[in-house]
Amino acid sequence: MKKVTDESFKKYGRILDLDTKEFVEVMMKKDTVMEGTVYKASDPDFEQLPLFTQLQKEVYGDVPIEFGYCNGRNNKLNAVEYHRCSEIDIAATDLILMLGCQQDINYANNTYETEKIEQFFIPAGTAVELYATTLHFAPSRENNEEFRCGIVLIKDTNLPLETKPTDATGENRLLFARNKWLICHSESKPAKNGGCIGLIGKNLEI
């Protein structure tokens, strides 16, 4: 595992100089998740914060965004996803991100080798931008403790698709939700929900 300050993180994203104290205080009042993970694309508690306006104007160039969260307990990779925009992750607790590069996907058969994944430790209070070509999924935490992570994306990302062709091929087969392309491991929950199974190798575990 590497620190987010490590030079190798630069191909995946960057640390943002943001005041996250107020966000962390609001996040820590959310209900505790005892098992699994909970994702909410848009949360009004966060979208009323000055940080929301700052992110929309300074990071996303004043296009509409959503500010939600992913909280829970997770210690496996399970899947990798990417978007056509950067994702901002704000750690309210210490957490670990498992990251890869979209360029390493084999689009001939929609597969990705899990041995290429790198793990990075993100300290509580840290905000990072993950570039659009960075593969990622739910955060993790050592000893399966609860993690809490703010998630900022272009508005409507991760919402259900209006229609999804049953005969999709190529990269279109990976489209799992709006602005969300997903490759999952055979052991994962998304695999049981129609996700494209294409992770080759171990389902990496913290």
N, C-alpha and C. Protein backbone atom coordinates (compact mmCIF):
# COMPACT_ATOMS: atom_id res chain seq x y z
N MET A 1 0.83 -1.19 0.00
CA MET A 1 0.00 0.00 0.00
C MET A 1 0.87 1.25 0.00
N LYS A 2 0.44 2.26 -0.76
CA LYS A 2 1.21 3.49 -0.86
C LYS A 2 0.43 4.66 -0.27
N LYS A 3 1.13 5.73 0.06
CA LYS A 3 0.48 6.95 0.51
C LYS A 3 0.00 7.74 -0.70
N VAL A 4 -1.05 8.52 -0.51
CA VAL A 4 -1.58 9.31 -1.62
C VAL A 4 -0.57 10.38 -2.07
N THR A 5 0.39 10.67 -1.22
CA THR A 5 1.43 11.64 -1.57
C THR A 5 2.54 11.02 -2.41
N ASP A 6 2.48 9.70 -2.62
CA ASP A 6 3.50 9.02 -3.41
C ASP A 6 3.46 9.48 -4.86
N GLU A 7 4.61 9.55 -5.48
CA GLU A 7 4.73 10.00 -6.87
C GLU A 7 3.85 9.17 -7.81
N SER A 8 3.66 7.90 -7.50
CA SER A 8 2.92 7.02 -8.38
C SER A 8 1.43 7.35 -8.44
N PHE A 9 0.93 8.15 -7.49
CA PHE A 9 -0.48 8.53 -7.51
C PHE A 9 -0.79 9.52 -8.63
N LYS A 10 0.21 10.22 -9.11
CA LYS A 10 -0.01 11.32 -10.06
C LYS A 10 -0.65 10.87 -11.37
N LYS A 11 -0.49 9.62 -11.75
CA LYS A 11 -1.12 9.16 -13.00
C LYS A 11 -2.61 8.88 -12.80
N TYR A 12 -3.02 8.76 -11.54
CA TYR A 12 -4.42 8.49 -11.24
C TYR A 12 -5.20 9.75 -10.87
N GLY A 13 -4.53 10.73 -10.28
CA GLY A 13 -5.24 11.91 -9.82
C GLY A 13 -4.34 12.87 -9.08
N ARG A 14 -4.95 13.73 -8.29
CA ARG A 14 -4.20 14.74 -7.54
C ARG A 14 -4.93 15.06 -6.24
N ILE A 15 -4.18 15.55 -5.27
CA ILE A 15 -4.75 16.02 -4.01
C ILE A 15 -5.25 17.44 -4.22
N LEU A 16 -6.46 17.72 -3.73
CA LEU A 16 -7.03 19.06 -3.86
C LEU A 16 -6.87 19.83 -2.56
N ASP A 17 -6.53 21.10 -2.67
CA ASP A 17 -6.36 21.96 -1.51
C ASP A 17 -7.72 22.55 -1.14
N LEU A 18 -8.48 21.81 -0.33
CA LEU A 18 -9.83 22.22 0.05
C LEU A 18 -10.00 22.16 1.56
N ASP A 19 -10.83 23.03 2.08
CA ASP A 19 -11.19 22.99 3.50
C ASP A 19 -12.38 22.04 3.63
N THR A 20 -12.14 20.86 4.18
CA THR A 20 -13.17 19.83 4.25
C THR A 20 -13.76 19.66 5.65
N LYS A 21 -13.37 20.51 6.58
CA LYS A 21 -13.77 20.33 7.99
C LYS A 21 -15.28 20.30 8.15
N GLU A 22 -15.99 21.26 7.54
CA GLU A 22 -17.44 21.33 7.70
C GLU A 22 -18.10 20.10 7.07
N PHE A 23 -17.60 19.67 5.91
CA PHE A 23 -18.13 18.46 5.29
C PHE A 23 -17.97 17.26 6.20
N VAL A 24 -16.79 17.08 6.78
CA VAL A 24 -16.54 15.94 7.65
C VAL A 24 -17.49 15.94 8.84
N GLU A 25 -17.74 17.11 9.41
CA GLU A 25 -18.65 17.21 10.55
C GLU A 25 -20.05 16.76 10.17
N VAL A 26 -20.52 17.16 9.00
CA VAL A 26 -21.85 16.75 8.54
C VAL A 26 -21.88 15.26 8.23
N MET A 27 -20.84 14.77 7.57
CA MET A 27 -20.77 13.36 7.20
C MET A 27 -20.80 12.44 8.43
N MET A 28 -20.09 12.83 9.47
CA MET A 28 -19.99 11.97 10.64
C MET A 28 -21.29 11.87 11.42
N LYS A 29 -22.29 12.66 11.05
CA LYS A 29 -23.61 12.59 11.68
C LYS A 29 -24.53 11.59 10.95
N LYS A 30 -24.07 11.08 9.80
CA LYS A 30 -24.87 10.11 9.05
C LYS A 30 -24.96 8.79 9.82
N ASP A 31 -25.99 8.01 9.51
CA ASP A 31 -26.18 6.73 10.18
C ASP A 31 -25.00 5.80 9.93
N THR A 32 -24.67 5.01 10.92
CA THR A 32 -23.61 4.03 10.79
C THR A 32 -24.07 2.87 9.90
N VAL A 33 -23.18 2.41 9.05
CA VAL A 33 -23.46 1.25 8.19
C VAL A 33 -22.75 0.05 8.81
N MET A 34 -23.52 -0.95 9.20
CA MET A 34 -22.96 -2.10 9.90
C MET A 34 -22.45 -3.18 8.95
N GLU A 35 -23.01 -3.23 7.73
CA GLU A 35 -22.61 -4.28 6.79
C GLU A 35 -22.80 -3.78 5.36
N GLY A 36 -21.86 -4.13 4.47
CA GLY A 36 -21.97 -3.72 3.08
C GLY A 36 -21.73 -2.24 2.90
N THR A 37 -22.16 -1.71 1.77
CA THR A 37 -21.94 -0.30 1.47
C THR A 37 -23.25 0.37 1.07
N VAL A 38 -23.31 1.68 1.30
CA VAL A 38 -24.46 2.49 0.92
C VAL A 38 -23.96 3.62 0.03
N TYR A 39 -24.59 3.80 -1.14
CA TYR A 39 -24.22 4.89 -2.03
C TYR A 39 -25.42 5.79 -2.26
N LYS A 40 -25.20 7.08 -2.15
CA LYS A 40 -26.22 8.08 -2.43
C LYS A 40 -25.60 9.11 -3.36
N ALA A 41 -26.15 9.25 -4.56
CA ALA A 41 -25.54 10.12 -5.56
C ALA A 41 -25.60 11.59 -5.20
N SER A 42 -26.70 12.00 -4.56
CA SER A 42 -26.90 13.42 -4.25
C SER A 42 -27.48 13.55 -2.85
N ASP A 43 -26.86 14.36 -2.02
CA ASP A 43 -27.32 14.55 -0.64
C ASP A 43 -27.49 16.04 -0.37
N PRO A 44 -28.69 16.48 -0.03
CA PRO A 44 -28.93 17.92 0.18
C PRO A 44 -28.10 18.50 1.32
N ASP A 45 -27.75 17.70 2.30
CA ASP A 45 -26.92 18.20 3.41
C ASP A 45 -25.57 18.69 2.89
N PHE A 46 -25.01 17.99 1.91
CA PHE A 46 -23.72 18.38 1.34
C PHE A 46 -23.87 19.49 0.30
N GLU A 47 -24.97 19.45 -0.42
CA GLU A 47 -25.14 20.40 -1.52
C GLU A 47 -25.55 21.80 -1.04
N GLN A 48 -25.76 21.95 0.27
CA GLN A 48 -25.98 23.26 0.87
C GLN A 48 -24.70 23.87 1.41
N LEU A 49 -23.63 23.11 1.40
CA LEU A 49 -22.36 23.60 1.94
C LEU A 49 -21.66 24.52 0.94
N PRO A 50 -20.90 25.50 1.43
CA PRO A 50 -20.10 26.34 0.53
C PRO A 50 -19.14 25.51 -0.33
N LEU A 51 -18.71 24.36 0.18
CA LEU A 51 -17.80 23.50 -0.56
C LEU A 51 -18.42 23.04 -1.88
N PHE A 52 -19.73 22.82 -1.89
CA PHE A 52 -20.42 22.39 -3.11
C PHE A 52 -20.27 23.43 -4.22
N THR A 53 -20.51 24.68 -3.88
CA THR A 53 -20.38 25.77 -4.86
C THR A 53 -18.94 25.92 -5.33
N GLN A 54 -18.00 25.80 -4.40
CA GLN A 54 -16.58 25.90 -4.75
C GLN A 54 -16.18 24.81 -5.73
N LEU A 55 -16.61 23.58 -5.46
CA LEU A 55 -16.28 22.46 -6.35
C LEU A 55 -16.90 22.65 -7.74
N GLN A 56 -18.15 23.08 -7.77
CA GLN A 56 -18.82 23.27 -9.06
C GLN A 56 -18.11 24.32 -9.91
N LYS A 57 -17.70 25.42 -9.30
CA LYS A 57 -17.09 26.51 -10.05
C LYS A 57 -15.62 26.26 -10.36
N GLU A 58 -14.87 25.77 -9.36
CA GLU A 58 -13.42 25.71 -9.50
C GLU A 58 -12.91 24.39 -10.07
N VAL A 59 -13.62 23.31 -9.86
CA VAL A 59 -13.15 22.00 -10.32
C VAL A 59 -13.88 21.54 -11.58
N TYR A 60 -15.20 21.80 -11.64
CA TYR A 60 -15.99 21.31 -12.76
C TYR A 60 -16.39 22.40 -13.77
N GLY A 61 -15.81 23.58 -13.65
CA GLY A 61 -16.02 24.61 -14.67
C GLY A 61 -17.46 25.09 -14.76
N ASP A 62 -18.18 25.05 -13.61
CA ASP A 62 -19.53 25.60 -13.50
C ASP A 62 -20.59 24.78 -14.24
N VAL A 63 -20.32 23.50 -14.47
CA VAL A 63 -21.39 22.63 -14.99
C VAL A 63 -22.11 22.00 -13.80
N PRO A 64 -23.35 21.54 -13.95
CA PRO A 64 -24.10 20.96 -12.84
C PRO A 64 -23.40 19.71 -12.29
N ILE A 65 -23.35 19.61 -10.97
CA ILE A 65 -22.71 18.46 -10.32
C ILE A 65 -23.63 17.88 -9.25
N GLU A 66 -23.24 16.75 -8.73
CA GLU A 66 -23.92 16.12 -7.60
C GLU A 66 -22.89 15.82 -6.52
N PHE A 67 -23.31 15.94 -5.27
CA PHE A 67 -22.43 15.73 -4.12
C PHE A 67 -23.12 14.73 -3.20
N GLY A 68 -22.66 13.50 -3.23
CA GLY A 68 -23.24 12.46 -2.41
C GLY A 68 -22.18 11.74 -1.59
N TYR A 69 -22.41 10.46 -1.35
CA TYR A 69 -21.44 9.74 -0.52
C TYR A 69 -21.50 8.24 -0.77
N CYS A 70 -20.43 7.58 -0.36
CA CYS A 70 -20.37 6.12 -0.28
C CYS A 70 -19.82 5.78 1.09
N ASN A 71 -20.63 5.16 1.92
CA ASN A 71 -20.25 4.77 3.28
C ASN A 71 -20.41 3.26 3.44
N GLY A 72 -19.67 2.68 4.37
CA GLY A 72 -19.89 1.27 4.65
C GLY A 72 -18.66 0.52 5.07
N ARG A 73 -18.72 -0.78 4.85
CA ARG A 73 -17.63 -1.69 5.24
C ARG A 73 -17.32 -2.57 4.04
N ASN A 74 -16.07 -2.52 3.62
CA ASN A 74 -15.68 -3.25 2.42
C ASN A 74 -14.19 -3.56 2.50
N ASN A 75 -13.81 -4.75 2.09
CA ASN A 75 -12.38 -5.09 2.09
C ASN A 75 -11.94 -5.79 0.80
N LYS A 76 -12.80 -5.70 -0.26
CA LYS A 76 -12.46 -6.34 -1.52
C LYS A 76 -12.60 -5.37 -2.69
N LEU A 77 -11.90 -5.70 -3.77
CA LEU A 77 -11.97 -4.89 -4.98
C LEU A 77 -13.36 -4.99 -5.62
N ASN A 78 -13.81 -6.20 -5.92
CA ASN A 78 -15.13 -6.53 -6.46
C ASN A 78 -15.36 -6.07 -7.90
N ALA A 79 -14.98 -4.85 -8.24
CA ALA A 79 -15.23 -4.33 -9.59
C ALA A 79 -14.35 -3.10 -9.81
N VAL A 80 -14.29 -2.66 -11.06
CA VAL A 80 -13.68 -1.37 -11.39
C VAL A 80 -14.64 -0.62 -12.30
N GLU A 81 -14.69 0.69 -12.13
CA GLU A 81 -15.57 1.52 -12.95
C GLU A 81 -14.80 2.76 -13.40
N TYR A 82 -15.36 3.42 -14.41
CA TYR A 82 -14.81 4.71 -14.83
C TYR A 82 -15.95 5.56 -15.37
N HIS A 83 -15.70 6.87 -15.47
CA HIS A 83 -16.69 7.83 -15.94
C HIS A 83 -16.07 8.69 -17.03
N ARG A 84 -16.87 9.50 -17.69
CA ARG A 84 -16.38 10.45 -18.68
C ARG A 84 -16.12 11.81 -18.02
N CYS A 85 -15.78 11.78 -16.75
CA CYS A 85 -15.43 12.99 -16.01
C CYS A 85 -14.62 12.58 -14.80
N SER A 86 -13.93 13.54 -14.21
CA SER A 86 -13.23 13.27 -12.95
C SER A 86 -14.23 13.00 -11.84
N GLU A 87 -13.78 12.26 -10.84
CA GLU A 87 -14.56 12.04 -9.61
C GLU A 87 -13.77 12.62 -8.45
N ILE A 88 -14.43 13.38 -7.59
CA ILE A 88 -13.80 13.88 -6.38
C ILE A 88 -14.19 12.99 -5.22
N ASP A 89 -13.21 12.44 -4.52
CA ASP A 89 -13.44 11.65 -3.31
C ASP A 89 -12.92 12.43 -2.12
N ILE A 90 -13.76 12.59 -1.10
CA ILE A 90 -13.36 13.31 0.11
C ILE A 90 -13.47 12.35 1.28
N ALA A 91 -12.34 12.02 1.89
CA ALA A 91 -12.29 11.04 2.97
C ALA A 91 -12.71 11.69 4.29
N ALA A 92 -13.85 11.25 4.83
CA ALA A 92 -14.26 11.72 6.15
C ALA A 92 -13.62 10.86 7.24
N THR A 93 -13.26 9.62 6.86
CA THR A 93 -12.46 8.74 7.72
C THR A 93 -11.24 8.34 6.90
N ASP A 94 -10.25 7.78 7.55
CA ASP A 94 -9.18 7.14 6.79
C ASP A 94 -9.80 6.10 5.88
N LEU A 95 -9.26 5.96 4.68
CA LEU A 95 -9.76 4.93 3.78
C LEU A 95 -8.69 4.55 2.77
N ILE A 96 -8.96 3.49 2.03
CA ILE A 96 -8.03 2.97 1.03
C ILE A 96 -8.75 2.92 -0.32
N LEU A 97 -8.09 3.41 -1.36
CA LEU A 97 -8.61 3.33 -2.72
C LEU A 97 -7.76 2.35 -3.52
N MET A 98 -8.42 1.44 -4.25
CA MET A 98 -7.75 0.53 -5.17
C MET A 98 -7.94 1.10 -6.57
N LEU A 99 -6.83 1.42 -7.25
CA LEU A 99 -6.90 2.17 -8.49
C LEU A 99 -6.17 1.48 -9.64
N GLY A 100 -6.66 1.71 -10.84
CA GLY A 100 -6.01 1.22 -12.05
C GLY A 100 -6.19 2.21 -13.18
N CYS A 101 -5.76 1.85 -14.38
CA CYS A 101 -5.83 2.73 -15.55
C CYS A 101 -6.74 2.15 -16.62
N GLN A 102 -7.61 2.97 -17.13
CA GLN A 102 -8.50 2.54 -18.22
C GLN A 102 -7.71 2.03 -19.41
N GLN A 103 -6.53 2.59 -19.63
CA GLN A 103 -5.70 2.20 -20.77
C GLN A 103 -5.30 0.73 -20.73
N ASP A 104 -5.39 0.10 -19.55
CA ASP A 104 -5.01 -1.30 -19.42
C ASP A 104 -6.18 -2.27 -19.64
N ILE A 105 -7.36 -1.74 -19.93
CA ILE A 105 -8.49 -2.61 -20.25
C ILE A 105 -8.27 -3.23 -21.64
N ASN A 106 -8.54 -4.50 -21.75
CA ASN A 106 -8.52 -5.18 -23.05
C ASN A 106 -9.94 -5.12 -23.61
N TYR A 107 -10.18 -4.17 -24.51
CA TYR A 107 -11.54 -3.99 -25.03
C TYR A 107 -11.93 -5.05 -26.05
N ALA A 108 -10.98 -5.88 -26.46
CA ALA A 108 -11.32 -6.98 -27.37
C ALA A 108 -12.28 -7.96 -26.69
N ASN A 109 -12.11 -8.12 -25.37
CA ASN A 109 -13.00 -9.01 -24.63
C ASN A 109 -13.45 -8.41 -23.30
N ASN A 110 -13.25 -7.09 -23.14
CA ASN A 110 -13.69 -6.36 -21.93
C ASN A 110 -13.15 -6.99 -20.64
N THR A 111 -11.83 -7.17 -20.60
CA THR A 111 -11.20 -7.74 -19.41
C THR A 111 -10.14 -6.81 -18.85
N TYR A 112 -9.85 -7.00 -17.58
CA TYR A 112 -8.81 -6.22 -16.89
C TYR A 112 -8.16 -7.14 -15.86
N GLU A 113 -6.82 -7.10 -15.81
CA GLU A 113 -6.08 -7.96 -14.88
C GLU A 113 -5.92 -7.26 -13.53
N THR A 114 -6.41 -7.90 -12.49
CA THR A 114 -6.41 -7.27 -11.16
C THR A 114 -5.01 -7.06 -10.60
N GLU A 115 -4.01 -7.77 -11.13
CA GLU A 115 -2.64 -7.59 -10.64
C GLU A 115 -2.10 -6.19 -10.96
N LYS A 116 -2.76 -5.46 -11.83
CA LYS A 116 -2.32 -4.11 -12.19
C LYS A 116 -2.82 -3.05 -11.19
N ILE A 117 -3.72 -3.43 -10.30
CA ILE A 117 -4.28 -2.50 -9.32
C ILE A 117 -3.22 -2.06 -8.31
N GLU A 118 -3.26 -0.77 -7.93
CA GLU A 118 -2.43 -0.23 -6.86
C GLU A 118 -3.33 0.29 -5.75
N GLN A 119 -2.85 0.18 -4.51
CA GLN A 119 -3.63 0.61 -3.35
C GLN A 119 -3.01 1.86 -2.75
N PHE A 120 -3.87 2.82 -2.39
CA PHE A 120 -3.41 4.08 -1.82
C PHE A 120 -4.19 4.41 -0.54
N PHE A 121 -3.45 4.83 0.48
CA PHE A 121 -4.05 5.22 1.75
C PHE A 121 -4.40 6.71 1.69
N ILE A 122 -5.67 7.04 1.99
CA ILE A 122 -6.15 8.41 1.98
C ILE A 122 -6.52 8.81 3.41
N PRO A 123 -5.79 9.74 4.02
CA PRO A 123 -6.10 10.12 5.40
C PRO A 123 -7.41 10.91 5.49
N ALA A 124 -8.08 10.81 6.64
CA ALA A 124 -9.31 11.54 6.88
C ALA A 124 -9.09 13.03 6.63
N GLY A 125 -10.06 13.67 5.97
CA GLY A 125 -9.99 15.09 5.68
C GLY A 125 -9.38 15.42 4.33
N THR A 126 -8.83 14.41 3.65
CA THR A 126 -8.17 14.62 2.36
C THR A 126 -9.16 14.52 1.21
N ALA A 127 -9.05 15.46 0.27
CA ALA A 127 -9.87 15.42 -0.95
C ALA A 127 -8.96 15.13 -2.14
N VAL A 128 -9.37 14.18 -2.96
CA VAL A 128 -8.58 13.84 -4.15
C VAL A 128 -9.46 13.87 -5.39
N GLU A 129 -8.87 14.29 -6.49
CA GLU A 129 -9.52 14.19 -7.79
C GLU A 129 -9.00 12.93 -8.47
N LEU A 130 -9.91 12.04 -8.87
CA LEU A 130 -9.56 10.88 -9.66
C LEU A 130 -9.89 11.20 -11.11
N TYR A 131 -8.90 11.13 -11.98
CA TYR A 131 -9.10 11.49 -13.38
C TYR A 131 -10.07 10.53 -14.06
N ALA A 132 -10.65 10.97 -15.18
CA ALA A 132 -11.67 10.18 -15.87
C ALA A 132 -11.17 8.80 -16.29
N THR A 133 -9.88 8.66 -16.54
CA THR A 133 -9.31 7.39 -16.99
C THR A 133 -8.88 6.49 -15.82
N THR A 134 -9.18 6.90 -14.60
CA THR A 134 -8.79 6.11 -13.42
C THR A 134 -9.88 5.11 -13.07
N LEU A 135 -9.50 3.84 -13.03
CA LEU A 135 -10.40 2.79 -12.59
C LEU A 135 -10.47 2.78 -11.07
N HIS A 136 -11.67 2.64 -10.54
CA HIS A 136 -11.86 2.68 -9.09
C HIS A 136 -13.18 1.97 -8.77
N PHE A 137 -13.45 1.80 -7.51
CA PHE A 137 -14.76 1.31 -7.07
C PHE A 137 -14.93 1.74 -5.62
N ALA A 138 -15.71 1.02 -4.84
CA ALA A 138 -15.97 1.42 -3.46
C ALA A 138 -14.68 1.45 -2.65
N PRO A 139 -14.50 2.46 -1.79
CA PRO A 139 -13.33 2.50 -0.91
C PRO A 139 -13.32 1.31 0.04
N SER A 140 -12.19 1.13 0.71
CA SER A 140 -12.04 0.09 1.72
C SER A 140 -11.40 0.70 2.96
N ARG A 141 -11.33 -0.12 4.00
CA ARG A 141 -10.64 0.30 5.22
C ARG A 141 -10.11 -0.93 5.92
N GLU A 142 -8.97 -0.80 6.55
CA GLU A 142 -8.36 -1.94 7.22
C GLU A 142 -9.26 -2.44 8.35
N ASN A 143 -9.17 -3.74 8.61
CA ASN A 143 -9.93 -4.42 9.68
C ASN A 143 -11.44 -4.31 9.47
N ASN A 144 -11.84 -4.02 8.23
CA ASN A 144 -13.26 -3.91 7.87
C ASN A 144 -14.00 -2.88 8.72
N GLU A 145 -13.28 -1.86 9.17
CA GLU A 145 -13.93 -0.75 9.88
C GLU A 145 -14.76 0.06 8.89
N GLU A 146 -15.70 0.83 9.40
CA GLU A 146 -16.56 1.63 8.54
C GLU A 146 -15.77 2.79 7.92
N PHE A 147 -15.91 2.96 6.62
CA PHE A 147 -15.35 4.12 5.93
C PHE A 147 -16.48 5.07 5.58
N ARG A 148 -16.13 6.36 5.44
CA ARG A 148 -17.10 7.36 5.01
C ARG A 148 -16.41 8.26 3.99
N CYS A 149 -17.01 8.36 2.79
CA CYS A 149 -16.36 9.07 1.69
C CYS A 149 -17.36 9.90 0.91
N GLY A 150 -17.13 11.20 0.80
CA GLY A 150 -17.93 12.05 -0.07
C GLY A 150 -17.58 11.80 -1.52
N ILE A 151 -18.58 11.81 -2.40
CA ILE A 151 -18.38 11.55 -3.82
C ILE A 151 -19.00 12.70 -4.63
N VAL A 152 -18.19 13.33 -5.48
CA VAL A 152 -18.67 14.43 -6.31
C VAL A 152 -18.46 14.06 -7.78
N LEU A 153 -19.51 14.22 -8.58
CA LEU A 153 -19.48 13.86 -9.99
C LEU A 153 -20.38 14.80 -10.80
N ILE A 154 -20.27 14.74 -12.12
CA ILE A 154 -21.20 15.45 -12.98
C ILE A 154 -22.62 14.96 -12.67
N LYS A 155 -23.56 15.89 -12.62
CA LYS A 155 -24.94 15.58 -12.24
C LYS A 155 -25.53 14.42 -13.04
N ASP A 156 -26.25 13.55 -12.37
CA ASP A 156 -26.95 12.37 -12.89
C ASP A 156 -26.04 11.17 -13.12
N THR A 157 -24.74 11.29 -12.85
CA THR A 157 -23.84 10.14 -12.93
C THR A 157 -24.29 9.06 -11.93
N ASN A 158 -24.22 7.82 -12.35
CA ASN A 158 -24.55 6.65 -11.53
C ASN A 158 -26.05 6.41 -11.35
N LEU A 159 -26.89 7.30 -11.91
CA LEU A 159 -28.33 7.03 -11.86
C LEU A 159 -28.68 5.93 -12.87
N PRO A 160 -29.83 5.27 -12.70
CA PRO A 160 -30.19 4.18 -13.61
C PRO A 160 -30.31 4.65 -15.06
N LEU A 161 -29.95 3.77 -15.98
CA LEU A 161 -30.13 4.05 -17.40
C LEU A 161 -31.61 4.04 -17.75
N GLU A 162 -31.99 4.90 -18.70
CA GLU A 162 -33.38 4.88 -19.17
C GLU A 162 -33.65 3.58 -19.91
N THR A 163 -32.71 3.18 -20.75
CA THR A 163 -32.81 1.90 -21.45
C THR A 163 -31.42 1.30 -21.56
N LYS A 164 -31.34 -0.01 -21.52
CA LYS A 164 -30.07 -0.70 -21.68
C LYS A 164 -30.26 -1.86 -22.65
N PRO A 165 -29.64 -1.77 -23.82
CA PRO A 165 -29.82 -2.84 -24.81
C PRO A 165 -29.34 -4.19 -24.27
N THR A 166 -30.11 -5.21 -24.53
CA THR A 166 -29.73 -6.55 -24.05
C THR A 166 -28.66 -7.18 -24.94
N ASP A 167 -28.48 -6.63 -26.16
CA ASP A 167 -27.50 -7.20 -27.09
C ASP A 167 -26.28 -6.31 -27.25
N ALA A 168 -25.98 -5.47 -26.26
CA ALA A 168 -24.84 -4.56 -26.34
C ALA A 168 -23.54 -5.33 -26.47
N THR A 169 -22.61 -4.78 -27.25
CA THR A 169 -21.31 -5.39 -27.44
C THR A 169 -20.22 -4.34 -27.25
N GLY A 170 -18.96 -4.78 -27.20
CA GLY A 170 -17.85 -3.86 -27.04
C GLY A 170 -17.95 -3.08 -25.74
N GLU A 171 -17.48 -1.83 -25.77
CA GLU A 171 -17.53 -1.02 -24.56
C GLU A 171 -18.97 -0.78 -24.10
N ASN A 172 -19.91 -0.80 -25.04
CA ASN A 172 -21.31 -0.61 -24.66
C ASN A 172 -21.80 -1.66 -23.67
N ARG A 173 -21.16 -2.83 -23.71
CA ARG A 173 -21.52 -3.90 -22.76
C ARG A 173 -21.17 -3.50 -21.33
N LEU A 174 -20.23 -2.57 -21.17
CA LEU A 174 -19.79 -2.16 -19.84
C LEU A 174 -20.67 -1.08 -19.23
N LEU A 175 -21.53 -0.45 -20.03
CA LEU A 175 -22.34 0.64 -19.51
C LEU A 175 -23.37 0.09 -18.54
N PHE A 176 -23.19 0.42 -17.26
CA PHE A 176 -23.98 -0.18 -16.18
C PHE A 176 -25.01 0.80 -15.62
N ALA A 177 -24.69 2.09 -15.68
CA ALA A 177 -25.57 3.15 -15.22
C ALA A 177 -25.17 4.41 -15.99
N ARG A 178 -25.84 5.51 -15.74
CA ARG A 178 -25.51 6.75 -16.46
C ARG A 178 -24.07 7.16 -16.16
N ASN A 179 -23.31 7.36 -17.21
CA ASN A 179 -21.91 7.79 -17.09
C ASN A 179 -21.10 6.85 -16.20
N LYS A 180 -21.40 5.57 -16.27
CA LYS A 180 -20.72 4.57 -15.43
C LYS A 180 -20.47 3.31 -16.25
N TRP A 181 -19.20 3.05 -16.55
CA TRP A 181 -18.79 1.83 -17.24
C TRP A 181 -18.14 0.92 -16.22
N LEU A 182 -18.53 -0.35 -16.18
CA LEU A 182 -18.18 -1.24 -15.07
C LEU A 182 -17.70 -2.59 -15.56
N ILE A 183 -16.61 -3.07 -14.95
CA ILE A 183 -16.14 -4.45 -15.14
C ILE A 183 -16.10 -5.09 -13.76
N CYS A 184 -16.74 -6.21 -13.59
CA CYS A 184 -16.83 -6.78 -12.24
C CYS A 184 -16.20 -8.17 -12.15
N HIS A 185 -15.92 -8.56 -10.93
CA HIS A 185 -15.40 -9.89 -10.63
C HIS A 185 -16.56 -10.86 -10.47
N SER A 186 -16.34 -12.11 -10.82
CA SER A 186 -17.42 -13.10 -10.76
C SER A 186 -17.97 -13.26 -9.35
N GLU A 187 -17.19 -12.93 -8.32
CA GLU A 187 -17.64 -13.08 -6.94
C GLU A 187 -18.47 -11.91 -6.45
N SER A 188 -18.58 -10.85 -7.24
CA SER A 188 -19.15 -9.60 -6.75
C SER A 188 -20.67 -9.53 -6.88
N LYS A 189 -21.25 -8.60 -6.14
CA LYS A 189 -22.69 -8.34 -6.22
C LYS A 189 -23.10 -7.81 -7.59
N PRO A 190 -22.33 -6.86 -8.19
CA PRO A 190 -22.72 -6.39 -9.53
C PRO A 190 -22.80 -7.50 -10.57
N ALA A 191 -21.99 -8.55 -10.40
CA ALA A 191 -22.02 -9.67 -11.35
C ALA A 191 -23.39 -10.35 -11.34
N LYS A 192 -24.01 -10.35 -10.18
CA LYS A 192 -25.33 -10.98 -10.05
C LYS A 192 -26.44 -10.06 -10.57
N ASN A 193 -26.08 -8.78 -10.80
CA ASN A 193 -27.08 -7.81 -11.27
C ASN A 193 -26.85 -7.40 -12.72
N GLY A 194 -26.20 -8.27 -13.48
CA GLY A 194 -26.05 -8.02 -14.90
C GLY A 194 -24.78 -7.32 -15.32
N GLY A 195 -23.87 -7.06 -14.37
CA GLY A 195 -22.61 -6.42 -14.71
C GLY A 195 -21.74 -7.31 -15.56
N CYS A 196 -20.90 -6.71 -16.39
CA CYS A 196 -20.00 -7.47 -17.26
C CYS A 196 -18.89 -8.09 -16.43
N ILE A 197 -18.78 -9.40 -16.42
CA ILE A 197 -17.73 -10.09 -15.67
C ILE A 197 -16.47 -10.12 -16.53
N GLY A 198 -15.42 -9.45 -16.03
CA GLY A 198 -14.21 -9.36 -16.84
C GLY A 198 -12.94 -9.13 -16.04
N LEU A 199 -13.03 -9.13 -14.70
CA LEU A 199 -11.82 -9.00 -13.90
C LEU A 199 -11.11 -10.34 -13.86
N ILE A 200 -9.85 -10.35 -14.30
CA ILE A 200 -9.06 -11.56 -14.35
C ILE A 200 -8.07 -11.57 -13.20
N GLY A 201 -8.07 -12.64 -12.43
CA GLY A 201 -7.17 -12.75 -11.28
C GLY A 201 -7.94 -12.71 -9.98
N LYS A 202 -7.21 -12.51 -8.90
CA LYS A 202 -7.81 -12.51 -7.57
C LYS A 202 -8.72 -11.30 -7.37
N ASN A 203 -9.78 -11.52 -6.61
CA ASN A 203 -10.61 -10.41 -6.14
C ASN A 203 -9.85 -9.82 -4.95
N LEU A 204 -9.02 -8.82 -5.22
CA LEU A 204 -8.08 -8.32 -4.23
C LEU A 204 -8.76 -7.95 -2.92
N GLU A 205 -8.05 -8.21 -1.81
CA GLU A 205 -8.62 -8.02 -0.48
C GLU A 205 -7.64 -7.25 0.38
N ILE A 206 -8.17 -6.33 1.19
CA ILE A 206 -7.34 -5.57 2.14
C ILE A 206 -7.00 -6.46 3.32
